[in-house]
Each structure stands twice: as structure tokens, then as C-alpha cells.
Protein backbone atom coordinates (compact mmCIF):
# COMPACT_ATOMS: atom_id res chain seq x y z
CA MET A 1 -3.09 26.74 -4.64
CA THR A 2 -3.28 24.23 -1.64
CA ILE A 3 -6.92 22.77 -1.09
CA LEU A 4 -7.94 22.67 2.03
CA PHE A 5 -11.03 20.02 3.31
CA SER A 6 -12.87 21.19 6.02
CA HIS A 7 -16.32 20.56 7.75
CA ASP A 8 -18.28 22.11 10.81
CA ALA A 9 -19.38 18.54 11.31
CA ALA A 10 -15.41 17.86 12.83
CA ALA A 11 -16.30 20.36 15.87
CA ARG A 12 -19.59 17.80 16.62
CA HIS A 13 -17.57 15.20 17.39
CA VAL A 14 -17.55 15.81 21.56
CA THR A 15 -15.29 14.31 24.00
CA PRO A 16 -15.58 14.70 27.55
CA PRO A 17 -14.40 17.64 30.16
CA GLY A 18 -10.76 17.54 30.51
CA HIS A 19 -10.30 15.19 27.09
CA PRO A 20 -7.00 15.90 24.65
CA GLU A 21 -8.60 15.28 21.52
CA GLN A 22 -11.17 18.35 22.11
CA VAL A 23 -13.41 20.33 19.89
CA ALA A 24 -11.05 23.39 20.62
CA ARG A 25 -8.53 21.11 18.51
CA TYR A 26 -10.58 21.92 15.25
CA GLY A 27 -10.94 25.45 16.02
CA ALA A 28 -7.31 25.70 16.66
CA VAL A 29 -6.36 24.88 13.05
CA ILE A 30 -9.05 26.45 11.33
CA ASP A 31 -8.22 29.90 13.27
CA ALA A 32 -4.46 29.43 11.93
CA LEU A 33 -5.10 29.21 8.65
CA SER A 34 -7.61 31.79 8.30
CA ASP A 35 -5.88 34.36 6.94
CA LEU A 36 -4.19 31.69 4.34
CA THR A 37 -4.75 31.68 0.34
CA LEU A 38 -6.54 28.47 0.53
CA ASP A 39 -8.70 26.41 -2.25
CA ARG A 40 -11.34 25.73 0.49
CA ARG A 41 -13.76 22.75 -0.08
CA ILE A 42 -16.62 20.96 1.95
CA PRO A 43 -16.57 17.00 1.72
CA GLU A 44 -19.17 14.79 1.48
CA ARG A 45 -19.11 11.46 3.45
CA ALA A 46 -17.19 8.37 2.25
CA ALA A 47 -18.72 5.97 0.22
CA ALA A 48 -19.35 2.82 1.74
CA GLU A 49 -17.13 0.55 -0.44
CA GLN A 50 -14.31 3.28 0.46
CA VAL A 51 -14.86 2.28 4.11
CA LEU A 52 -15.14 -1.29 3.40
CA ARG A 53 -11.89 -1.37 1.66
CA CYS A 54 -10.46 -1.43 5.30
CA HIS A 55 -13.11 -1.97 8.00
CA PRO A 56 -15.67 -5.11 7.76
CA GLN A 57 -19.16 -4.06 7.69
CA SER A 58 -19.55 -5.75 10.97
CA TYR A 59 -17.18 -3.46 12.63
CA LEU A 60 -19.13 -0.68 10.95
CA ASP A 61 -22.68 -2.11 12.23
CA GLU A 62 -21.29 -1.89 15.43
CA LEU A 63 -20.16 1.28 15.57
CA GLU A 64 -23.42 2.59 14.15
CA ALA A 65 -24.95 0.76 17.28
CA THR A 66 -22.93 2.04 19.71
CA VAL A 67 -23.67 6.07 18.64
CA PRO A 68 -25.45 7.53 21.69
CA ALA A 69 -28.48 9.69 21.60
CA THR A 70 -26.57 11.96 23.85
CA GLY A 71 -23.85 12.69 25.82
CA THR A 72 -20.95 10.53 25.04
CA VAL A 73 -20.32 6.66 25.34
CA GLN A 74 -16.31 5.20 25.94
CA LEU A 75 -15.29 2.46 24.06
CA ASP A 76 -12.00 2.03 25.45
CA PRO A 77 -9.89 3.82 27.88
CA ASP A 78 -9.36 6.79 25.64
CA THR A 79 -11.75 6.66 22.86
CA HIS A 80 -15.31 8.28 23.10
CA MET A 81 -18.36 8.47 20.86
CA SER A 82 -20.97 11.63 20.95
CA PRO A 83 -23.80 11.68 18.64
CA GLY A 84 -21.86 13.81 15.91
CA SER A 85 -18.82 11.65 16.19
CA LEU A 86 -19.16 8.84 13.42
CA ASP A 87 -20.71 11.54 10.90
CA ALA A 88 -17.25 13.25 11.43
CA ALA A 89 -15.20 10.17 11.09
CA TRP A 90 -17.23 9.24 7.89
CA LEU A 91 -16.81 12.97 6.70
CA ALA A 92 -13.17 12.74 7.43
CA ALA A 93 -12.99 9.66 5.11
CA GLY A 94 -14.66 11.19 2.51
CA ALA A 95 -12.40 14.44 2.80
CA ALA A 96 -9.31 12.13 2.53
CA CYS A 97 -10.40 9.99 -0.64
CA GLN A 98 -11.78 13.40 -2.02
CA ALA A 99 -8.19 15.06 -1.78
CA VAL A 100 -6.54 12.17 -3.39
CA ASP A 101 -9.02 12.89 -6.32
CA ALA A 102 -8.26 16.61 -6.12
CA VAL A 103 -4.73 16.02 -6.54
CA ALA A 104 -4.65 13.84 -9.69
CA ASP A 105 -3.46 16.53 -11.89
CA GLY A 106 -0.41 17.67 -9.30
CA GLY A 107 -0.89 19.71 -6.33
CA ARG A 108 -1.49 19.75 -2.33
CA ALA A 109 -4.17 18.94 0.10
CA PHE A 110 -4.60 19.10 3.78
CA VAL A 111 -7.84 17.69 5.29
CA ALA A 112 -8.34 19.58 8.37
CA MET A 113 -10.94 17.07 10.36
CA ARG A 114 -11.30 15.23 13.29
CA PRO A 115 -11.84 12.16 14.81
CA PRO A 116 -8.21 11.56 13.83
CA GLY A 117 -7.67 8.01 12.03
CA HIS A 118 -4.25 6.60 12.39
CA HIS A 119 -4.57 4.09 15.32
CA ALA A 120 -8.18 2.55 14.13
CA GLU A 121 -7.00 -0.88 13.13
CA THR A 122 -9.20 -3.25 11.19
CA ALA A 123 -12.01 -3.76 13.56
CA LYS A 124 -10.98 -2.07 16.88
CA PRO A 125 -11.35 1.59 17.96
CA MET A 126 -8.39 3.00 19.51
CA GLY A 127 -6.44 6.09 20.69
CA PHE A 128 -9.50 8.51 20.13
CA CYS A 129 -9.76 6.93 16.41
CA LEU A 130 -12.61 5.50 14.90
CA LEU A 131 -12.52 4.91 11.02
CA GLY A 132 -8.52 4.67 9.34
CA THR A 133 -8.48 7.99 7.51
CA VAL A 134 -5.34 7.85 5.99
CA GLY A 135 -5.64 3.77 5.51
CA ILE A 136 -8.93 4.18 3.70
CA ALA A 137 -7.35 7.27 1.49
CA ALA A 138 -4.43 4.85 0.60
CA LYS A 139 -6.47 1.97 -0.66
CA HIS A 140 -8.62 4.14 -2.75
CA ALA A 141 -5.56 5.71 -4.46
CA LEU A 142 -4.55 2.56 -5.14
CA GLN A 143 -7.28 2.14 -7.65
CA THR A 144 -5.68 4.36 -9.50
CA TYR A 145 -2.05 4.46 -8.77
CA SER A 146 0.22 1.74 -8.80
CA ARG A 147 2.47 2.91 -6.22
CA ILE A 148 2.03 4.98 -3.23
CA ALA A 149 3.64 5.76 0.09
CA VAL A 150 1.74 7.04 3.59
CA VAL A 151 4.28 9.07 5.79
CA ASP A 152 3.30 9.30 9.35
CA PHE A 153 5.51 12.35 12.02
CA ASP A 154 2.86 12.05 14.37
CA VAL A 155 4.62 11.06 17.81
CA HIS A 156 2.76 8.08 18.25
CA HIS A 157 3.39 5.23 16.35
CA GLY A 158 0.21 4.77 13.32
CA ASN A 159 -0.53 1.39 14.51
CA GLY A 160 -4.02 1.55 12.63
CA THR A 161 -2.45 2.37 9.35
CA GLN A 162 -0.08 -0.33 9.72
CA ASP A 163 -2.46 -3.25 10.14
CA LEU A 164 -4.51 -1.59 7.41
CA LEU A 165 -1.79 -1.76 5.00
CA TRP A 166 0.11 -4.73 6.06
CA ASP A 167 -0.55 -6.80 3.02
CA GLU A 168 -0.52 -4.06 0.43
CA GLU A 169 2.36 -4.46 -1.34
CA THR A 170 2.06 -1.62 -3.28
CA ALA A 171 1.93 1.00 -0.27
CA LEU A 172 4.84 1.59 1.27
CA PHE A 173 4.30 2.61 4.97
CA VAL A 174 6.55 4.82 7.10
CA SER A 175 6.41 5.81 10.59
CA THR A 176 8.91 8.15 13.11
CA HIS A 177 7.55 8.29 16.13
CA GLN A 178 8.65 8.04 19.95
CA SER A 179 9.38 5.00 21.98
CA PRO A 180 8.82 3.91 24.49
CA LEU A 181 5.57 5.38 24.43
CA TRP A 182 1.86 4.42 23.89
CA PRO A 183 0.68 2.42 22.04
CA GLY A 184 3.90 0.40 22.29
CA SER A 185 4.17 -0.98 18.40
CA GLY A 186 6.09 0.07 15.84
CA ASP A 187 9.48 -1.63 16.46
CA PRO A 188 11.94 -1.35 13.50
CA SER A 189 11.34 -5.37 13.05
CA GLU A 190 7.57 -5.02 12.25
CA THR A 191 8.34 -4.72 8.16
CA GLY A 192 4.97 -5.49 6.91
CA ALA A 193 3.84 -8.73 4.78
CA HIS A 194 6.18 -7.76 1.61
CA GLY A 195 8.86 -5.64 3.45
CA GLN A 196 7.31 -2.63 2.75
CA ILE A 197 6.63 -1.08 6.19
CA MET A 198 9.16 1.15 7.40
CA ASN A 199 9.25 2.36 11.33
CA ARG A 200 11.95 4.59 13.21
CA THR A 201 11.76 5.18 16.61
CA LEU A 202 13.28 8.28 18.42
CA GLU A 203 14.19 8.67 22.31
CA PRO A 204 11.85 10.55 24.30
CA PHE A 205 13.47 14.39 24.66
CA SER A 206 15.15 14.24 21.26
CA ASP A 207 14.86 16.94 19.40
CA GLY A 208 14.25 17.78 15.39
CA HIS A 209 18.17 17.58 14.58
CA ALA A 210 17.59 13.58 15.65
CA PHE A 211 14.56 13.48 13.43
CA ARG A 212 15.92 15.10 10.59
CA LYS A 213 18.92 12.72 11.19
CA VAL A 214 16.79 9.77 10.84
CA MET A 215 14.45 11.22 7.73
CA GLU A 216 17.84 11.96 6.16
CA ARG A 217 19.71 8.45 6.59
CA ASP A 218 16.49 6.55 6.12
CA VAL A 219 13.36 7.32 5.28
CA LEU A 220 14.15 9.85 2.56
CA PRO A 221 16.05 7.70 0.69
CA ALA A 222 13.44 4.59 1.18
CA LEU A 223 10.98 6.92 -0.45
CA ASP A 224 13.24 7.89 -3.40
CA ALA A 225 13.66 4.40 -4.12
CA TRP A 226 10.33 3.11 -3.91
CA ARG A 227 9.30 5.96 -6.40
CA PRO A 228 5.48 6.69 -5.11
CA GLU A 229 3.30 8.12 -7.40
CA LEU A 230 1.08 10.07 -4.70
CA VAL A 231 2.82 10.81 -1.13
CA LEU A 232 0.45 10.66 1.64
CA VAL A 233 1.11 11.84 5.21
CA SER A 234 -0.34 11.54 8.93
CA ALA A 235 0.31 15.13 9.89
CA GLY A 236 0.53 14.55 13.67
CA PHE A 237 1.77 17.94 15.67
CA ASP A 238 2.42 16.01 18.61
CA ALA A 239 6.23 15.86 18.68
CA HIS A 240 6.00 19.52 19.06
CA ALA A 241 8.16 20.58 22.78
CA ASP A 242 5.04 22.25 24.21
CA ASP A 243 2.57 19.34 23.80
CA PRO A 244 1.02 17.37 26.97
CA LEU A 245 0.84 13.44 25.75
CA ALA A 246 4.74 12.79 24.74
CA GLN A 247 8.34 14.18 25.15
CA LEU A 248 10.03 14.84 21.73
CA GLN A 249 11.32 18.45 21.12
CA TRP A 250 10.34 19.55 17.68
CA SER A 251 9.54 22.99 16.72
CA GLU A 252 7.09 24.14 13.86
CA ASP A 253 10.61 24.84 11.75
CA ASP A 254 10.80 21.06 12.01
CA PHE A 255 7.20 20.55 10.53
CA SER A 256 8.29 23.38 7.76
CA TRP A 257 11.47 20.90 6.49
CA VAL A 258 9.60 17.78 6.67
CA THR A 259 6.81 19.30 4.46
CA GLU A 260 9.37 20.60 2.26
CA ARG A 261 11.09 17.30 2.35
CA LEU A 262 8.36 15.51 1.10
CA CYS A 263 7.00 17.73 -1.25
CA GLU A 264 10.29 17.82 -3.25
CA LEU A 265 9.85 14.11 -3.06
CA ALA A 266 6.20 14.31 -4.76
CA ASP A 267 7.78 16.94 -7.45
CA THR A 268 10.17 14.26 -8.38
CA HIS A 269 8.47 11.11 -8.35
CA ALA A 270 4.29 11.96 -8.25
CA GLY A 271 3.74 15.04 -10.51
CA GLY A 272 3.61 17.07 -6.95
CA ARG A 273 0.93 15.04 -5.83
CA VAL A 274 0.80 15.44 -1.91
CA VAL A 275 -2.59 14.85 0.61
CA SER A 276 -2.11 15.52 4.47
CA CYS A 277 -4.41 14.32 7.11
CA LEU A 278 -4.63 15.95 10.31
CA GLU A 279 -3.73 13.58 13.19
CA GLY A 280 -2.41 14.69 16.58
CA GLY A 281 -1.33 18.04 18.44
CA TYR A 282 -3.16 18.62 21.99
CA ASP A 283 -1.29 21.90 22.97
CA LEU A 284 -3.87 24.60 21.09
CA PRO A 285 -1.26 27.41 20.14
CA ALA A 286 1.42 24.86 19.04
CA LEU A 287 -1.05 22.58 17.18
CA GLY A 288 -2.35 25.97 15.57
CA ARG A 289 1.22 27.25 14.63
CA SER A 290 2.32 23.74 13.30
CA ALA A 291 -0.32 23.27 11.06
CA ARG A 292 -0.14 26.84 9.44
CA ALA A 293 3.70 26.14 9.03
CA HIS A 294 2.65 22.49 7.73
CA VAL A 295 -0.23 23.87 5.11
CA THR A 296 2.19 26.86 4.38
CA ALA A 297 5.32 24.40 3.29
CA LEU A 298 2.45 22.65 1.37
CA GLY A 299 1.69 25.41 -0.60
CA GLU A 300 5.59 26.49 -1.28
């Protein structure tokens, strides 16, 4: 049975009115999964040592000092904090690490938390993200496994995860993303300190067929050759045709398809171990349908 990690603190990360990374995203995902048979668990905050593998204490202190008593504070043009934001981010990181532990004997887990994490760099909040959730989970996993893979199919490049894993020679990081598009990184020439990073770009308005072609030609063979002992997923659903922040034209079927392929690969090499973490997705109905398709495929 697929494990679902969620916590109501995700709804206490408040952004200004009109911001796309809104509280209602959490409700859209939880409501879409409400009738599925899942092993529902409440996470605890990440341990300091887990987060410190990715972010220096000075950065964590800076974030803590910036938490407002009321209202919101703007960290950059896109990223805001409210009184509950940092606690939600620590719980998201904890959920991802606890999901890694929960699938140790096989199985799949989905972390339905916010804020997202894949744009947060080593000492820089960015793109709605405060802590590098999947990067933190990856470095936690490397305390147990000798080789892991992180697959990011969010429409935006996972620049933060790439930054956090740039020097990790036993962590393969793969990102498929629209280009050109914010944040402007993710060129195929960016291959990591050990050649263990793969970026594949998709043209604006390309559809799920183009994505599947790239996956079958480049990504799945690379993952198969890597033979990961755990597969981590940054599951952004903003490549959907209805999403307002980008121009890719995917449907729910494309999210089901990629999830199925990654689970098949995990069954072959990783004892079935897959941990997926929610990233983007900003059209609420499309987000709900896509997350449901993804979690349903995790359980098949």
C-alpha cells in the first residue's frame, strides 16, 4: 500500500493573495486523494543533522530570523514566508526523510507537503522554496544506500536539487523541463562534478509525446544503467496543459505513464523503493487530477 505523508502545517504556509503557490494547493491534493486506500502518516520535523547536510547553519539561522510574527515577508520576487512557513518546510523535509526510511523494505511513498523544495539552493531561498526537500532526502538516503537516483519532471528546472547534489557522485539527478523558462538553468551541458547530472529540455508547447520520447531515448536507459537502490521523484504537475505558469501540454495520462515507468525501474533495481515529493502545479483542478493519477500509478 502506498504511504501518504501529509501534515496540516502545509496549510499554514501562507502566501500573499493572488500568489500561485497558495494554501488551496494543499487542499486540492488532499481532497483528490481522499478516497484512495493509502497508509496515511503524519510526519515529524527533520532532524537538524539531516538538513545540515544540505544547508549551512548560517542559512538556517537567517531563515529563522526572517520569520514574521504576522503577515508575510518577501524573500525574493517569488518567495514569501508567513509565521507558519518555516515549520512547514522543516516538516516537509522530515516527511521526505521519513518516507525514505518507510520504504526501506520495499514500497512507495508520496509526500504531499508544501512549500515545495527543488529550487532552494545551498544558501538561497528561491522559486517558492525554502529548504531543498528532495536534496535533503537524497543525502539522508545516501547514509544507507550506495547509489540512488532523483528524477524531477516539474516543468521548471530543479536548480536547487542540482546545486545540492552537484558533488554527489553516487546520486544521479535527472531533470526534464521546459526551456526557455524560469529559472534559466538546466542546459544539457550542466552535467555535475562527476557526470552524474542529466538535464533534458522540452520546447514550449510540446506535448506528452515529446516528453515520452525523451524519457525513452535518454532518461530511462540512463536510469537503468545507473541501477539505483532508491528512486526519489520531484513530482511537479505544472507541465499540465492547463497550468498557468508554463506552456507544456501534458495530460494526466502522461503523469501516470512516467510514474509507471519509474516504478518498473524501481522494481528491477531498487526493490520497488520509490519516494515522491510534491513540487509544482498551479491550476487547482489539474493539480488534483494529476496528483491522483500519479499516486494511483504508484500503487499499481
